[in-house]
C-alpha atoms as a PDB file:
ATOM      1  CA  MET A   1     -24.104 -63.599  34.238  1.00  0.00           C
ATOM      2  CA  SER A   2     -21.071 -65.474  35.698  1.00  0.00           C
ATOM      3  CA  GLY A   3     -19.924 -66.472  32.221  1.00  0.00           C
ATOM      4  CA  LEU A   4     -20.164 -63.014  30.912  1.00  0.00           C
ATOM      5  CA  LEU A   5     -18.271 -61.710  34.073  1.00  0.00           C
ATOM      6  CA  ALA A   6     -15.438 -64.233  33.498  1.00  0.00           C
ATOM      7  CA  TRP A   7     -15.198 -63.530  29.814  1.00  0.00           C
ATOM      8  CA  SER A   8     -15.162 -59.776  30.371  1.00  0.00           C
ATOM      9  CA  ALA A   9     -12.503 -60.150  33.059  1.00  0.00           C
ATOM     10  CA  VAL A  10     -10.238 -62.243  31.052  1.00  0.00           C
ATOM     11  CA  THR A  11     -10.512 -60.128  27.874  1.00  0.00           C
ATOM     12  CA  ALA A  12     -10.154 -56.881  29.694  1.00  0.00           C
ATOM     13  CA  LEU A  13      -7.199 -57.882  31.888  1.00  0.00           C
ATOM     14  CA  ALA A  14      -5.231 -59.846  29.265  1.00  0.00           C
ATOM     15  CA  SER A  15      -4.649 -56.761  27.041  1.00  0.00           C
ATOM     16  CA  THR A  16      -1.151 -57.973  26.009  1.00  0.00           C
ATOM     17  CA  HIS A  17      -2.394 -61.459  24.974  1.00  0.00           C
ATOM     18  CA  PRO A  18      -4.266 -62.311  21.684  1.00  0.00           C
ATOM     19  CA  ILE A  19      -7.473 -63.002  23.656  1.00  0.00           C
ATOM     20  CA  GLY A  20      -7.450 -59.465  24.924  1.00  0.00           C
ATOM     21  CA  GLN A  21      -6.950 -57.985  21.389  1.00  0.00           C
ATOM     22  CA  LEU A  22     -10.102 -59.260  19.666  1.00  0.00           C
ATOM     23  CA  SER A  23     -12.234 -57.225  17.274  1.00  0.00           C
ATOM     24  CA  PRO A  24     -15.462 -55.918  18.736  1.00  0.00           C
ATOM     25  CA  GLN A  25     -17.313 -58.490  16.668  1.00  0.00           C
ATOM     26  CA  SER A  26     -15.215 -61.460  17.839  1.00  0.00           C
ATOM     27  CA  TRP A  27     -15.539 -60.181  21.486  1.00  0.00           C
ATOM     28  CA  ALA A  28     -19.374 -60.063  21.266  1.00  0.00           C
ATOM     29  CA  VAL A  29     -19.474 -63.623  19.741  1.00  0.00           C
ATOM     30  CA  GLY A  30     -17.338 -64.807  22.724  1.00  0.00           C
ATOM     31  CA  ALA A  31     -19.597 -62.993  25.208  1.00  0.00           C
ATOM     32  CA  VAL A  32     -22.661 -64.857  23.929  1.00  0.00           C
ATOM     33  CA  LEU A  33     -20.802 -68.244  23.975  1.00  0.00           C
ATOM     34  CA  ALA A  34     -19.329 -67.641  27.474  1.00  0.00           C
ATOM     35  CA  THR A  35     -22.657 -66.506  28.914  1.00  0.00           C
ATOM     36  CA  GLY A  36     -24.411 -69.546  27.616  1.00  0.00           C
ATOM     37  CA  ALA A  37     -21.523 -71.950  28.489  1.00  0.00           C
ATOM     38  CA  ALA A  38     -21.921 -70.926  32.073  1.00  0.00           C
ATOM     39  CA  LEU A  39     -25.305 -72.755  32.127  1.00  0.00           C
ATOM     40  CA  LEU A  40     -24.133 -75.755  30.051  1.00  0.00           C
ATOM     41  CA  PRO A  41     -22.866 -77.966  32.920  1.00  0.00           C
ATOM     42  CA  ASP A  42     -26.424 -77.957  34.443  1.00  0.00           C
ATOM     43  CA  LEU A  43     -27.712 -79.896  31.486  1.00  0.00           C
ATOM     44  CA  ASP A  44     -26.860 -82.932  33.546  1.00  0.00           C
ATOM     45  CA  HIS A  45     -29.850 -82.222  35.683  1.00  0.00           C
ATOM     46  CA  PRO A  46     -33.235 -83.119  33.905  1.00  0.00           C
ATOM     47  CA  GLY A  47     -35.091 -81.191  36.502  1.00  0.00           C
ATOM     48  CA  SER A  48     -33.229 -77.994  36.082  1.00  0.00           C
ATOM     49  CA  THR A  49     -34.569 -74.838  34.356  1.00  0.00           C
ATOM     50  CA  ILE A  50     -31.853 -75.022  31.789  1.00  0.00           C
ATOM     51  CA  SER A  51     -32.894 -78.571  30.623  1.00  0.00           C
ATOM     52  CA  ARG A  52     -36.204 -77.128  29.314  1.00  0.00           C
ATOM     53  CA  THR A  53     -34.603 -74.396  27.265  1.00  0.00           C
ATOM     54  CA  PHE A  54     -35.638 -75.955  23.968  1.00  0.00           C
ATOM     55  CA  GLY A  55     -38.523 -78.000  25.185  1.00  0.00           C
ATOM     56  CA  ALA A  56     -38.461 -81.798  24.564  1.00  0.00           C
ATOM     57  CA  LEU A  57     -35.225 -81.638  22.497  1.00  0.00           C
ATOM     58  CA  SER A  58     -33.154 -80.243  25.427  1.00  0.00           C
ATOM     59  CA  SER A  59     -35.026 -82.225  28.009  1.00  0.00           C
ATOM     60  CA  GLY A  60     -34.135 -85.492  26.115  1.00  0.00           C
ATOM     61  CA  LEU A  61     -30.457 -84.311  25.843  1.00  0.00           C
ATOM     62  CA  SER A  62     -30.355 -83.636  29.425  1.00  0.00           C
ATOM     63  CA  ALA A  63     -31.680 -87.031  30.354  1.00  0.00           C
ATOM     64  CA  GLY A  64     -29.000 -88.684  28.227  1.00  0.00           C
ATOM     65  CA  ILE A  65     -26.167 -86.549  29.797  1.00  0.00           C
ATOM     66  CA  ASN A  66     -27.559 -87.380  33.222  1.00  0.00           C
ATOM     67  CA  ALA A  67     -27.389 -91.063  32.516  1.00  0.00           C
ATOM     68  CA  LEU A  68     -23.895 -90.844  31.093  1.00  0.00           C
ATOM     69  CA  SER A  69     -22.710 -88.798  34.064  1.00  0.00           C
ATOM     70  CA  SER A  70     -24.225 -91.267  36.516  1.00  0.00           C
ATOM     71  CA  PHE A  71     -22.496 -94.157  34.760  1.00  0.00           C
ATOM     72  CA  VAL A  72     -19.113 -92.470  34.803  1.00  0.00           C
ATOM     73  CA  TYR A  73     -19.585 -91.619  38.530  1.00  0.00           C
ATOM     74  CA  ARG A  74     -20.490 -95.116  39.547  1.00  0.00           C
ATOM     75  CA  THR A  75     -17.606 -96.509  37.394  1.00  0.00           C
ATOM     76  CA  THR A  76     -14.871 -94.246  38.683  1.00  0.00           C
ATOM     77  CA  ARG A  77     -15.856 -93.458  42.288  1.00  0.00           C
ATOM     78  CA  LEU A  78     -13.618 -94.791  45.160  1.00  0.00           C
ATOM     79  CA  LYS A  79     -14.717 -96.063  48.578  1.00  0.00           C
ATOM     80  CA  ARG A  80     -14.508 -92.678  50.155  1.00  0.00           C
ATOM     81  CA  ASP A  81     -16.747 -91.066  47.536  1.00  0.00           C
ATOM     82  CA  SER A  82     -20.370 -90.559  48.524  1.00  0.00           C
ATOM     83  CA  LYS A  83     -22.811 -93.273  47.481  1.00  0.00           C
ATOM     84  CA  ARG A  84     -25.085 -91.010  45.416  1.00  0.00           C
ATOM     85  CA  ASP A  85     -26.513 -91.181  41.844  1.00  0.00           C
ATOM     86  CA  GLY A  86     -23.771 -88.913  40.413  1.00  0.00           C
ATOM     87  CA  GLY A  87     -25.876 -87.751  37.555  1.00  0.00           C
ATOM     88  CA  HIS A  88     -25.897 -84.096  38.626  1.00  0.00           C
ATOM     89  CA  ARG A  89     -22.619 -82.335  39.552  1.00  0.00           C
ATOM     90  CA  GLY A  90     -20.744 -85.123  37.908  1.00  0.00           C
ATOM     91  CA  LEU A  91     -18.988 -85.355  34.688  1.00  0.00           C
ATOM     92  CA  THR A  92     -20.167 -81.967  33.296  1.00  0.00           C
ATOM     93  CA  HIS A  93     -18.863 -80.286  36.362  1.00  0.00           C
ATOM     94  CA  THR A  94     -15.183 -81.197  35.790  1.00  0.00           C
ATOM     95  CA  LEU A  95     -12.248 -79.539  34.053  1.00  0.00           C
ATOM     96  CA  VAL A  96     -12.201 -82.514  31.716  1.00  0.00           C
ATOM     97  CA  PHE A  97     -15.648 -81.547  30.376  1.00  0.00           C
ATOM     98  CA  ALA A  98     -14.662 -77.869  30.140  1.00  0.00           C
ATOM     99  CA  MET A  99     -11.618 -78.725  27.995  1.00  0.00           C
ATOM    100  CA  PHE A 100     -13.461 -81.120  25.923  1.00  0.00           C
ATOM    101  CA  SER A 101     -16.206 -78.449  25.232  1.00  0.00           C
ATOM    102  CA  ALA A 102     -13.595 -75.790  24.475  1.00  0.00           C
ATOM    103  CA  VAL A 103     -11.628 -78.106  22.035  1.00  0.00           C
ATOM    104  CA  PHE A 104     -14.802 -79.279  20.361  1.00  0.00           C
ATOM    105  CA  THR A 105     -16.168 -75.809  19.874  1.00  0.00           C
ATOM    106  CA  ALA A 106     -12.920 -74.606  18.432  1.00  0.00           C
ATOM    107  CA  ALA A 107     -12.529 -77.605  16.135  1.00  0.00           C
ATOM    108  CA  VAL A 108     -16.076 -77.493  14.742  1.00  0.00           C
ATOM    109  CA  ILE A 109     -15.927 -73.748  14.096  1.00  0.00           C
ATOM    110  CA  GLN A 110     -12.385 -74.080  12.558  1.00  0.00           C
ATOM    111  CA  ASN A 111     -13.570 -76.805  10.088  1.00  0.00           C
ATOM    112  CA  SER A 112     -16.982 -75.425   9.228  1.00  0.00           C
ATOM    113  CA  GLN A 113     -17.500 -71.806  10.416  1.00  0.00           C
ATOM    114  CA  LYS A 114     -20.323 -71.054   7.870  1.00  0.00           C
ATOM    115  CA  TRP A 115     -22.870 -73.413   9.503  1.00  0.00           C
ATOM    116  CA  ALA A 116     -21.218 -74.327  12.868  1.00  0.00           C
ATOM    117  CA  LEU A 117     -20.982 -70.786  14.261  1.00  0.00           C
ATOM    118  CA  PRO A 118     -24.789 -69.926  13.718  1.00  0.00           C
ATOM    119  CA  VAL A 119     -25.770 -73.292  15.247  1.00  0.00           C
ATOM    120  CA  LEU A 120     -23.594 -72.864  18.251  1.00  0.00           C
ATOM    121  CA  MET A 121     -24.605 -69.210  18.639  1.00  0.00           C
ATOM    122  CA  PHE A 122     -28.234 -70.240  18.561  1.00  0.00           C
ATOM    123  CA  VAL A 123     -27.741 -72.912  21.279  1.00  0.00           C
ATOM    124  CA  PHE A 124     -25.629 -70.886  23.673  1.00  0.00           C
ATOM    125  CA  ALA A 125     -27.786 -67.869  23.173  1.00  0.00           C
ATOM    126  CA  GLY A 126     -30.811 -69.980  24.218  1.00  0.00           C
ATOM    127  CA  LEU A 127     -28.953 -71.121  27.352  1.00  0.00           C
ATOM    128  CA  ALA A 128     -27.945 -67.442  28.100  1.00  0.00           C
ATOM    129  CA  VAL A 129     -31.466 -66.209  27.772  1.00  0.00           C
ATOM    130  CA  ARG A 130     -32.885 -69.124  29.769  1.00  0.00           C
ATOM    131  CA  GLY A 131     -30.461 -68.322  32.626  1.00  0.00           C
ATOM    132  CA  ILE A 132     -31.037 -64.607  32.581  1.00  0.00           C
ATOM    133  CA  MET A 133     -34.816 -64.769  32.221  1.00  0.00           C
ATOM    134  CA  ASN A 134     -35.245 -67.686  34.704  1.00  0.00           C
ATOM    135  CA  ASP A 135     -38.901 -67.243  35.354  1.00  0.00           C
ATOM    136  CA  TRP A 136     -39.990 -65.588  32.090  1.00  0.00           C
ATOM    137  CA  CYS A 137     -43.335 -66.881  30.872  1.00  0.00           C
ATOM    138  CA  PRO A 138     -42.819 -70.433  32.103  1.00  0.00           C
ATOM    139  CA  LYS A 139     -45.785 -71.967  30.172  1.00  0.00           C
ATOM    140  CA  GLN A 140     -44.467 -71.045  26.764  1.00  0.00           C
ATOM    141  CA  ASP A 141     -40.863 -70.273  27.543  1.00  0.00           C
ATOM    142  CA  ALA A 142     -39.366 -72.913  25.031  1.00  0.00           C
ATOM    143  CA  LEU A 143     -41.062 -71.159  22.104  1.00  0.00           C
ATOM    144  CA  LEU A 144     -40.222 -67.690  23.187  1.00  0.00           C
ATOM    145  CA  ILE A 145     -36.533 -68.516  24.063  1.00  0.00           C
ATOM    146  CA  THR A 146     -36.215 -70.228  20.594  1.00  0.00           C
ATOM    147  CA  VAL A 147     -37.534 -67.098  18.821  1.00  0.00           C
ATOM    148  CA  VAL A 148     -35.357 -64.744  20.926  1.00  0.00           C
ATOM    149  CA  SER A 149     -32.290 -66.994  20.406  1.00  0.00           C
ATOM    150  CA  ALA A 150     -32.929 -66.969  16.621  1.00  0.00           C
ATOM    151  CA  GLY A 151     -33.129 -63.248  16.753  1.00  0.00           C
ATOM    152  CA  ILE A 152     -29.861 -62.761  18.665  1.00  0.00           C
ATOM    153  CA  THR A 153     -28.156 -65.273  16.372  1.00  0.00           C
ATOM    154  CA  TRP A 154     -29.363 -63.492  13.265  1.00  0.00           C
ATOM    155  CA  ALA A 155     -28.202 -60.086  14.606  1.00  0.00           C
ATOM    156  CA  MET A 156     -24.819 -61.386  15.577  1.00  0.00           C
ATOM    157  CA  ILE A 157     -24.152 -63.204  12.349  1.00  0.00           C
ATOM    158  CA  ALA A 158     -25.329 -60.127  10.317  1.00  0.00           C
ATOM    159  CA  TRP A 159     -22.971 -57.869  12.447  1.00  0.00           C
ATOM    160  CA  THR A 160     -19.994 -60.285  12.042  1.00  0.00           C
ATOM    161  CA  SER A 161     -20.641 -61.326   8.476  1.00  0.00           C
ATOM    162  CA  GLN A 162     -17.593 -59.394   7.257  1.00  0.00           C
ATOM    163  CA  THR A 163     -15.233 -60.682  10.018  1.00  0.00           C
ATOM    164  CA  ASP A 164     -14.141 -64.274  10.488  1.00  0.00           C
ATOM    165  CA  ALA A 165     -14.668 -65.384  14.090  1.00  0.00           C
ATOM    166  CA  SER A 166     -11.540 -66.808  15.799  1.00  0.00           C
ATOM    167  CA  ALA A 167     -12.154 -70.475  16.356  1.00  0.00           C
ATOM    168  CA  ALA A 168      -9.658 -70.463  19.203  1.00  0.00           C
ATOM    169  CA  ALA A 169     -11.323 -67.488  20.880  1.00  0.00           C
ATOM    170  CA  CYS A 170     -14.664 -69.192  20.547  1.00  0.00           C
ATOM    171  CA  GLY A 171     -13.312 -72.334  22.202  1.00  0.00           C
ATOM    172  CA  ILE A 172     -11.651 -70.380  24.946  1.00  0.00           C
ATOM    173  CA  ALA A 173     -14.953 -68.500  25.586  1.00  0.00           C
ATOM    174  CA  VAL A 174     -16.857 -71.828  26.164  1.00  0.00           C
ATOM    175  CA  GLY A 175     -14.189 -73.065  28.406  1.00  0.00           C
ATOM    176  CA  ILE A 176     -14.208 -69.862  30.421  1.00  0.00           C
ATOM    177  CA  GLY A 177     -18.026 -70.023  30.682  1.00  0.00           C
ATOM    178  CA  CYS A 178     -17.928 -73.620  32.038  1.00  0.00           C
ATOM    179  CA  PHE A 179     -15.137 -72.728  34.590  1.00  0.00           C
ATOM    180  CA  ALA A 180     -17.171 -69.747  35.852  1.00  0.00           C
ATOM    181  CA  HIS A 181     -19.982 -72.207  36.603  1.00  0.00           C
ATOM    182  CA  TYR A 182     -17.614 -74.445  38.528  1.00  0.00           C
ATOM    183  CA  VAL A 183     -16.403 -71.572  40.637  1.00  0.00           C
ATOM    184  CA  GLY A 184     -20.006 -70.629  41.432  1.00  0.00           C
ATOM    185  CA  ASP A 185     -20.838 -74.146  42.413  1.00  0.00           C
ATOM    186  CA  ALA A 186     -17.688 -74.507  44.448  1.00  0.00           C
ATOM    187  CA  ILE A 187     -18.694 -71.784  46.870  1.00  0.00           C
ATOM    188  CA  THR A 188     -22.032 -73.534  47.586  1.00  0.00           C
ATOM    189  CA  GLU A 189     -22.650 -76.049  50.342  1.00  0.00           C
ATOM    190  CA  GLN A 190     -22.188 -79.049  48.062  1.00  0.00           C
ATOM    191  CA  GLY A 191     -18.913 -78.053  46.371  1.00  0.00           C
ATOM    192  CA  CYS A 192     -17.919 -79.043  42.928  1.00  0.00           C
ATOM    193  CA  PRO A 193     -15.775 -82.016  41.710  1.00  0.00           C
ATOM    194  CA  ILE A 194     -13.740 -79.850  39.325  1.00  0.00           C
ATOM    195  CA  LEU A 195     -10.494 -81.960  39.583  1.00  0.00           C
ATOM    196  CA  TRP A 196     -12.005 -85.354  38.647  1.00  0.00           C
ATOM    197  CA  PRO A 197     -10.387 -87.925  38.052  1.00  0.00           C
ATOM    198  CA  ILE A 198      -7.476 -86.833  40.257  1.00  0.00           C
ATOM    199  CA  PRO A 199      -7.713 -88.654  43.594  1.00  0.00           C
ATOM    200  CA  ILE A 200      -7.855 -86.331  46.539  1.00  0.00           C
ATOM    201  CA  PHE A 201      -8.088 -87.650  50.098  1.00  0.00           C
ATOM    202  CA  GLY A 202      -9.193 -90.953  48.673  1.00  0.00           C
ATOM    203  CA  LYS A 203     -11.876 -89.433  46.483  1.00  0.00           C
ATOM    204  CA  THR A 204     -11.868 -89.132  42.623  1.00  0.00           C
ATOM    205  CA  TRP A 205     -15.022 -86.948  42.927  1.00  0.00           C
ATOM    206  CA  TYR A 206     -13.632 -84.708  45.713  1.00  0.00           C
ATOM    207  CA  PRO A 207     -16.000 -81.687  46.099  1.00  0.00           C
ATOM    208  CA  VAL A 208     -13.633 -78.698  45.756  1.00  0.00           C
ATOM    209  CA  ALA A 209     -14.869 -75.853  48.082  1.00  0.00           C
ATOM    210  CA  PRO A 210     -13.701 -73.184  50.485  1.00  0.00           C
ATOM    211  CA  PRO A 211     -14.179 -73.597  54.257  1.00  0.00           C
ATOM    212  CA  LYS A 212     -17.883 -74.173  55.184  1.00  0.00           C
ATOM    213  CA  ILE A 213     -18.048 -70.668  56.708  1.00  0.00           C
ATOM    214  CA  MET A 214     -17.444 -69.236  53.296  1.00  0.00           C
ATOM    215  CA  ARG A 215     -20.032 -71.307  51.381  1.00  0.00           C
ATOM    216  CA  MET A 216     -23.545 -70.204  50.529  1.00  0.00           C
ATOM    217  CA  LYS A 217     -26.852 -71.931  49.873  1.00  0.00           C
ATOM    218  CA  THR A 218     -27.746 -72.322  46.275  1.00  0.00           C
ATOM    219  CA  GLY A 219     -30.621 -69.883  45.523  1.00  0.00           C
ATOM    220  CA  GLY A 220     -30.322 -68.548  49.088  1.00  0.00           C
ATOM    221  CA  VAL A 221     -30.519 -64.917  50.345  1.00  0.00           C
ATOM    222  CA  VAL A 222     -26.716 -64.485  50.037  1.00  0.00           C
ATOM    223  CA  GLU A 223     -26.655 -65.584  46.380  1.00  0.00           C
ATOM    224  CA  MET A 224     -29.760 -63.634  45.343  1.00  0.00           C
ATOM    225  CA  ALA A 225     -29.331 -60.433  47.364  1.00  0.00           C
ATOM    226  CA  ILE A 226     -25.586 -60.041  47.486  1.00  0.00           C
ATOM    227  CA  VAL A 227     -23.621 -62.184  44.997  1.00  0.00           C
ATOM    228  CA  GLY A 228     -26.072 -61.782  42.166  1.00  0.00           C
ATOM    229  CA  PRO A 229     -26.091 -57.952  42.080  1.00  0.00           C
ATOM    230  CA  ILE A 230     -22.296 -57.878  42.548  1.00  0.00           C
ATOM    231  CA  VAL A 231     -21.810 -60.136  39.621  1.00  0.00           C
ATOM    232  CA  THR A 232     -24.206 -58.099  37.466  1.00  0.00           C
ATOM    233  CA  VAL A 233     -22.430 -54.754  38.165  1.00  0.00           C
ATOM    234  CA  LEU A 234     -18.939 -56.308  37.620  1.00  0.00           C
ATOM    235  CA  SER A 235     -20.098 -57.863  34.391  1.00  0.00           C
ATOM    236  CA  ILE A 236     -21.291 -54.487  33.058  1.00  0.00           C
ATOM    237  CA  TRP A 237     -18.126 -52.656  34.155  1.00  0.00           C
ATOM    238  CA  LEU A 238     -15.586 -55.140  32.875  1.00  0.00           C
ATOM    239  CA  GLY A 239     -17.613 -55.775  29.757  1.00  0.00           C
ATOM    240  CA  LEU A 240     -17.542 -52.034  28.949  1.00  0.00           C
ATOM    241  CA  ALA A 241     -13.792 -52.035  29.826  1.00  0.00           C
ATOM    242  CA  ALA A 242     -13.156 -54.873  27.468  1.00  0.00           C
ATOM    243  CA  LEU A 243     -15.175 -53.262  24.698  1.00  0.00           C
ATOM    244  CA  GLN A 244     -13.295 -50.032  25.247  1.00  0.00           C
ATOM    245  CA  GLY A 245     -10.099 -51.972  24.724  1.00  0.00           C
ATOM    246  CA  THR A 246     -11.360 -53.211  21.330  1.00  0.00           C
ATOM    247  CA  GLY A 247     -12.032 -49.654  20.260  1.00  0.00           C
ATOM    248  CA  ALA A 248     -15.810 -50.110  20.062  1.00  0.00           C
ATOM    249  CA  LEU A 249     -16.652 -47.298  22.486  1.00  0.00           C
ATOM    250  CA  PRO A 250     -14.878 -44.154  21.162  1.00  0.00           C
ATOM    251  CA  PHE A 251     -17.377 -41.932  23.005  1.00  0.00           C
ATOM    252  CA  LEU A 252     -15.777 -43.083  26.283  1.00  0.00           C
ATOM    253  CA  ASP A 253     -12.274 -42.347  25.327  1.00  0.00           C
ATOM    254  CA  TRP A 254     -12.291 -39.554  27.910  1.00  0.00           C
ATOM    255  CA  VAL A 255     -12.343 -42.017  30.761  1.00  0.00           C
ATOM    256  CA  ASP A 256     -10.271 -45.080  31.417  1.00  0.00           C
ATOM    257  CA  LEU A 257     -12.629 -47.813  32.593  1.00  0.00           C
ATOM    258  CA  LEU A 258      -9.768 -50.060  33.732  1.00  0.00           C
ATOM    259  CA  PRO A 259      -7.089 -47.814  35.222  1.00  0.00           C
ATOM    260  CA  ILE A 260      -4.441 -50.457  36.048  1.00  0.00           C
END
């Protein structure tokens, strides 16, 4: 939900910027892309839930990304960097990767929206569903997620068929989703090497994080019982506020969902 929260916050608060003046259809496409992109960085971990989103296909891709990330880590680490494998929380957990993903998404959609947008929607919808329904039917989850992702993609494409999606907005959505993931990882015990390859305190893979007292354990009580519900509530509120700004919720015109 972190990707949806970040996308909703940006589009709701940037009302004077083009990204805050999207059509309802373009906003919804961006919401799906951002929600899925918030899980994208964890494809570097072959053992993660996300890596089995599409069965053997995503598992193989995850293994390849893990190997590349490990190679880049070993090649670019300095003496002060920890002597770890570097496959997980490596290359895909950097702003470099977020910017690459954003530019790649925008370029592909700009050059071939007819086929590229449905494919990307399908992939990111799958990641979003996998993340939200983390423990849903684990024995057959790949098949079910594929079917649900195809359904979401079909519905979105049918709804937006008369409106060209903004390639730039789609790219920004993916970048926002990745960044939301980094923020979430940064407040955990391990931190996140967001600023690679900039050397900080003698480390190119410096784990950006707040003071230890402000960090939480991944999957711990604080994340599941406090942070998770707060993120969900904020996502719904800001999502509705952003949609109100697009004019998609005329029945809520009597109340200002974002009175600032």
